[in-house]
N, C-alpha and C. Protein backbone atom coordinates (compact mmCIF):
# COMPACT_ATOMS: atom_id res chain seq x y z
N MET A 1 150.37 -79.40 55.60
CA MET A 1 149.02 -78.98 55.30
C MET A 1 148.50 -78.70 56.73
N SER A 2 147.91 -77.36 57.09
CA SER A 2 147.39 -76.85 57.93
C SER A 2 146.27 -77.25 58.34
N PHE A 3 145.96 -77.45 59.69
CA PHE A 3 144.79 -77.47 60.22
C PHE A 3 144.01 -76.29 60.97
N TYR A 4 143.19 -76.44 60.99
CA TYR A 4 142.42 -75.05 61.72
C TYR A 4 140.76 -75.48 61.88
N LEU A 5 139.72 -74.77 62.97
CA LEU A 5 138.82 -75.11 63.12
C LEU A 5 137.96 -73.79 63.07
N LEU A 6 136.72 -73.79 62.63
CA LEU A 6 136.01 -72.52 62.20
C LEU A 6 134.99 -72.54 63.24
N GLU A 7 135.10 -71.02 64.01
CA GLU A 7 134.06 -71.12 64.67
C GLU A 7 132.91 -70.34 64.54
N GLU A 8 131.53 -71.43 64.88
CA GLU A 8 130.35 -70.57 64.67
C GLU A 8 129.18 -70.32 65.88
N GLN A 9 128.74 -69.09 65.76
CA GLN A 9 127.92 -69.21 67.05
C GLN A 9 126.43 -69.67 66.76
N VAL A 10 125.89 -70.25 67.19
CA VAL A 10 124.44 -70.67 67.32
C VAL A 10 123.73 -70.50 68.74
N THR A 11 122.27 -70.83 68.27
CA THR A 11 121.93 -70.75 69.35
C THR A 11 121.04 -72.09 69.72
N CYS A 12 121.33 -72.14 70.96
CA CYS A 12 120.71 -73.50 71.93
C CYS A 12 119.52 -73.79 71.54
N PRO A 13 118.82 -74.99 71.46
CA PRO A 13 117.30 -74.99 70.98
C PRO A 13 116.91 -75.28 71.97
N TYR A 14 117.19 -75.66 73.45
CA TYR A 14 116.91 -75.76 74.77
C TYR A 14 116.60 -74.24 75.59
N CYS A 15 117.77 -73.57 75.54
CA CYS A 15 118.17 -72.64 76.63
C CYS A 15 117.92 -71.34 76.09
N TRP A 16 118.08 -71.04 74.49
CA TRP A 16 118.14 -70.09 74.06
C TRP A 16 119.35 -69.08 73.81
N GLU A 17 120.38 -69.48 74.95
CA GLU A 17 121.67 -69.16 74.80
C GLU A 17 122.63 -69.21 73.43
N ARG A 18 123.19 -67.95 73.34
CA ARG A 18 124.19 -67.85 72.09
C ARG A 18 125.63 -68.81 72.74
N ILE A 19 125.82 -69.73 71.73
CA ILE A 19 127.18 -70.53 71.83
C ILE A 19 128.13 -70.55 70.92
N THR A 20 129.40 -71.08 71.10
CA THR A 20 130.16 -70.86 70.04
C THR A 20 130.36 -72.24 70.04
N LEU A 21 130.36 -72.97 68.35
CA LEU A 21 130.99 -74.65 68.23
C LEU A 21 132.18 -74.01 67.44
N LEU A 22 132.95 -74.99 67.24
CA LEU A 22 134.59 -75.35 66.64
C LEU A 22 133.85 -76.37 65.69
N ILE A 23 134.06 -76.04 64.50
CA ILE A 23 133.63 -76.71 63.28
C ILE A 23 134.65 -76.98 62.50
N ASP A 24 134.76 -78.47 62.21
CA ASP A 24 135.96 -79.04 61.28
C ASP A 24 135.46 -78.48 59.65
N PRO A 25 136.54 -77.72 59.05
CA PRO A 25 136.05 -77.05 57.83
C PRO A 25 136.16 -77.65 56.72
N LEU A 26 136.68 -78.99 56.98
CA LEU A 26 137.38 -80.26 56.08
C LEU A 26 136.10 -80.75 55.31
N GLU A 27 134.97 -81.51 56.04
CA GLU A 27 133.80 -82.24 55.82
C GLU A 27 132.90 -81.96 56.22
N SER A 28 132.02 -82.39 55.48
CA SER A 28 130.50 -81.98 56.13
C SER A 28 130.50 -83.19 57.45
N GLN A 29 129.83 -83.07 58.62
CA GLN A 29 129.19 -83.86 59.90
C GLN A 29 127.96 -83.60 60.68
N MET A 30 127.90 -84.54 61.14
CA MET A 30 126.30 -84.85 62.00
C MET A 30 126.93 -85.22 63.43
N TYR A 31 126.76 -84.26 64.61
CA TYR A 31 127.01 -84.95 65.42
C TYR A 31 126.23 -84.32 66.85
N THR A 32 126.14 -85.08 68.11
CA THR A 32 126.05 -84.53 69.24
C THR A 32 126.97 -83.83 69.92
N GLU A 33 126.68 -82.49 70.70
CA GLU A 33 127.57 -81.76 71.42
C GLU A 33 126.69 -81.61 72.61
N ASP A 34 126.81 -81.17 73.92
CA ASP A 34 126.40 -80.81 74.90
C ASP A 34 126.03 -79.33 75.16
N CYS A 35 125.24 -78.06 75.65
CA CYS A 35 125.25 -77.13 75.59
C CYS A 35 126.19 -76.61 76.77
N PHE A 36 127.14 -75.60 76.51
CA PHE A 36 128.06 -75.53 77.64
C PHE A 36 127.56 -74.70 78.72
N VAL A 37 125.73 -73.99 78.28
CA VAL A 37 125.37 -73.59 79.21
C VAL A 37 124.40 -74.28 79.99
N CYS A 38 123.41 -75.36 79.32
CA CYS A 38 122.19 -75.82 80.03
C CYS A 38 122.75 -77.09 80.11
N CYS A 39 123.60 -77.82 79.45
CA CYS A 39 124.39 -79.30 79.32
C CYS A 39 123.82 -80.00 78.71
N ARG A 40 122.62 -79.71 78.17
CA ARG A 40 121.34 -80.52 77.17
C ARG A 40 122.07 -81.06 76.17
N PRO A 41 121.71 -82.19 75.38
CA PRO A 41 122.36 -82.51 73.86
C PRO A 41 121.69 -81.92 72.91
N ILE A 42 122.70 -81.15 72.37
CA ILE A 42 122.38 -80.47 70.87
C ILE A 42 122.47 -81.28 69.62
N LEU A 43 121.79 -81.67 68.41
CA LEU A 43 122.34 -82.26 67.25
C LEU A 43 122.71 -81.07 66.61
N ILE A 44 123.94 -81.60 65.97
CA ILE A 44 124.53 -80.34 64.95
C ILE A 44 124.84 -80.92 63.88
N ASN A 45 124.42 -80.46 62.82
CA ASN A 45 124.53 -80.39 61.26
C ASN A 45 125.36 -79.45 60.69
N ALA A 46 126.64 -79.91 60.06
CA ALA A 46 127.64 -78.84 59.52
C ALA A 46 127.50 -79.35 57.93
N GLU A 47 127.47 -78.69 57.59
CA GLU A 47 127.45 -78.74 56.20
C GLU A 47 128.53 -78.12 55.43
N ILE A 48 129.21 -78.30 54.71
CA ILE A 48 130.75 -77.76 53.80
C ILE A 48 130.67 -78.10 52.90
N GLN A 49 130.42 -76.92 51.83
CA GLN A 49 130.60 -76.83 50.22
C GLN A 49 131.39 -75.87 49.99
N GLY A 50 132.79 -76.16 49.40
CA GLY A 50 133.71 -75.16 49.22
C GLY A 50 134.09 -74.56 50.14
N ASP A 51 133.78 -73.12 50.20
CA ASP A 51 134.04 -71.96 51.44
C ASP A 51 132.90 -71.60 52.30
N THR A 52 131.85 -72.47 52.11
CA THR A 52 130.39 -72.17 52.80
C THR A 52 130.47 -72.97 53.48
N VAL A 53 130.03 -72.47 54.92
CA VAL A 53 129.51 -73.65 56.11
C VAL A 53 128.23 -73.26 56.58
N GLN A 54 127.46 -74.26 56.47
CA GLN A 54 126.14 -73.95 57.40
C GLN A 54 125.49 -74.99 58.18
N VAL A 55 125.36 -74.32 59.28
CA VAL A 55 125.75 -75.29 60.51
C VAL A 55 124.30 -75.02 61.33
N ASN A 56 123.48 -76.19 61.27
CA ASN A 56 122.22 -76.47 61.59
C ASN A 56 121.91 -77.07 62.90
N VAL A 57 121.42 -76.74 64.03
CA VAL A 57 121.19 -77.42 65.38
C VAL A 57 119.67 -77.58 65.44
N THR A 58 119.63 -78.76 66.49
CA THR A 58 118.21 -78.84 66.91
C THR A 58 118.16 -80.05 68.44
N GLN A 59 117.40 -79.98 69.05
CA GLN A 59 117.15 -80.78 70.12
C GLN A 59 117.78 -82.39 70.14
N GLU A 60 118.52 -82.72 70.27
CA GLU A 60 118.72 -84.38 69.82
C GLU A 60 117.85 -85.33 69.74
N ASP A 61 116.82 -85.14 70.59
CA ASP A 61 115.76 -86.24 70.49
C ASP A 61 114.45 -86.21 69.30
N LEU A 62 114.43 -84.58 68.68
CA LEU A 62 113.76 -84.42 67.43
C LEU A 62 114.34 -84.55 66.14
N GLY A 63 115.85 -84.75 66.03
CA GLY A 63 116.66 -85.27 64.75
C GLY A 63 116.41 -83.85 63.74
N PHE A 64 116.64 -84.41 62.82
CA PHE A 64 116.75 -83.23 61.44
C PHE A 64 115.56 -84.17 60.40
């Protein structure tokens, strides 16, 4: 079994810079990761359905 991560480009909801996230394509997940540019906490929701990956981000304190 090989393991790989998908690169997904998103826009930080704080500083509006484009950043790259590494997403595990094996299962849906929700987690917090700091922006690489402004260091503020981003809530990430990655939905995996078959070969389709949908990534949504928001400010951590706003939630989904």
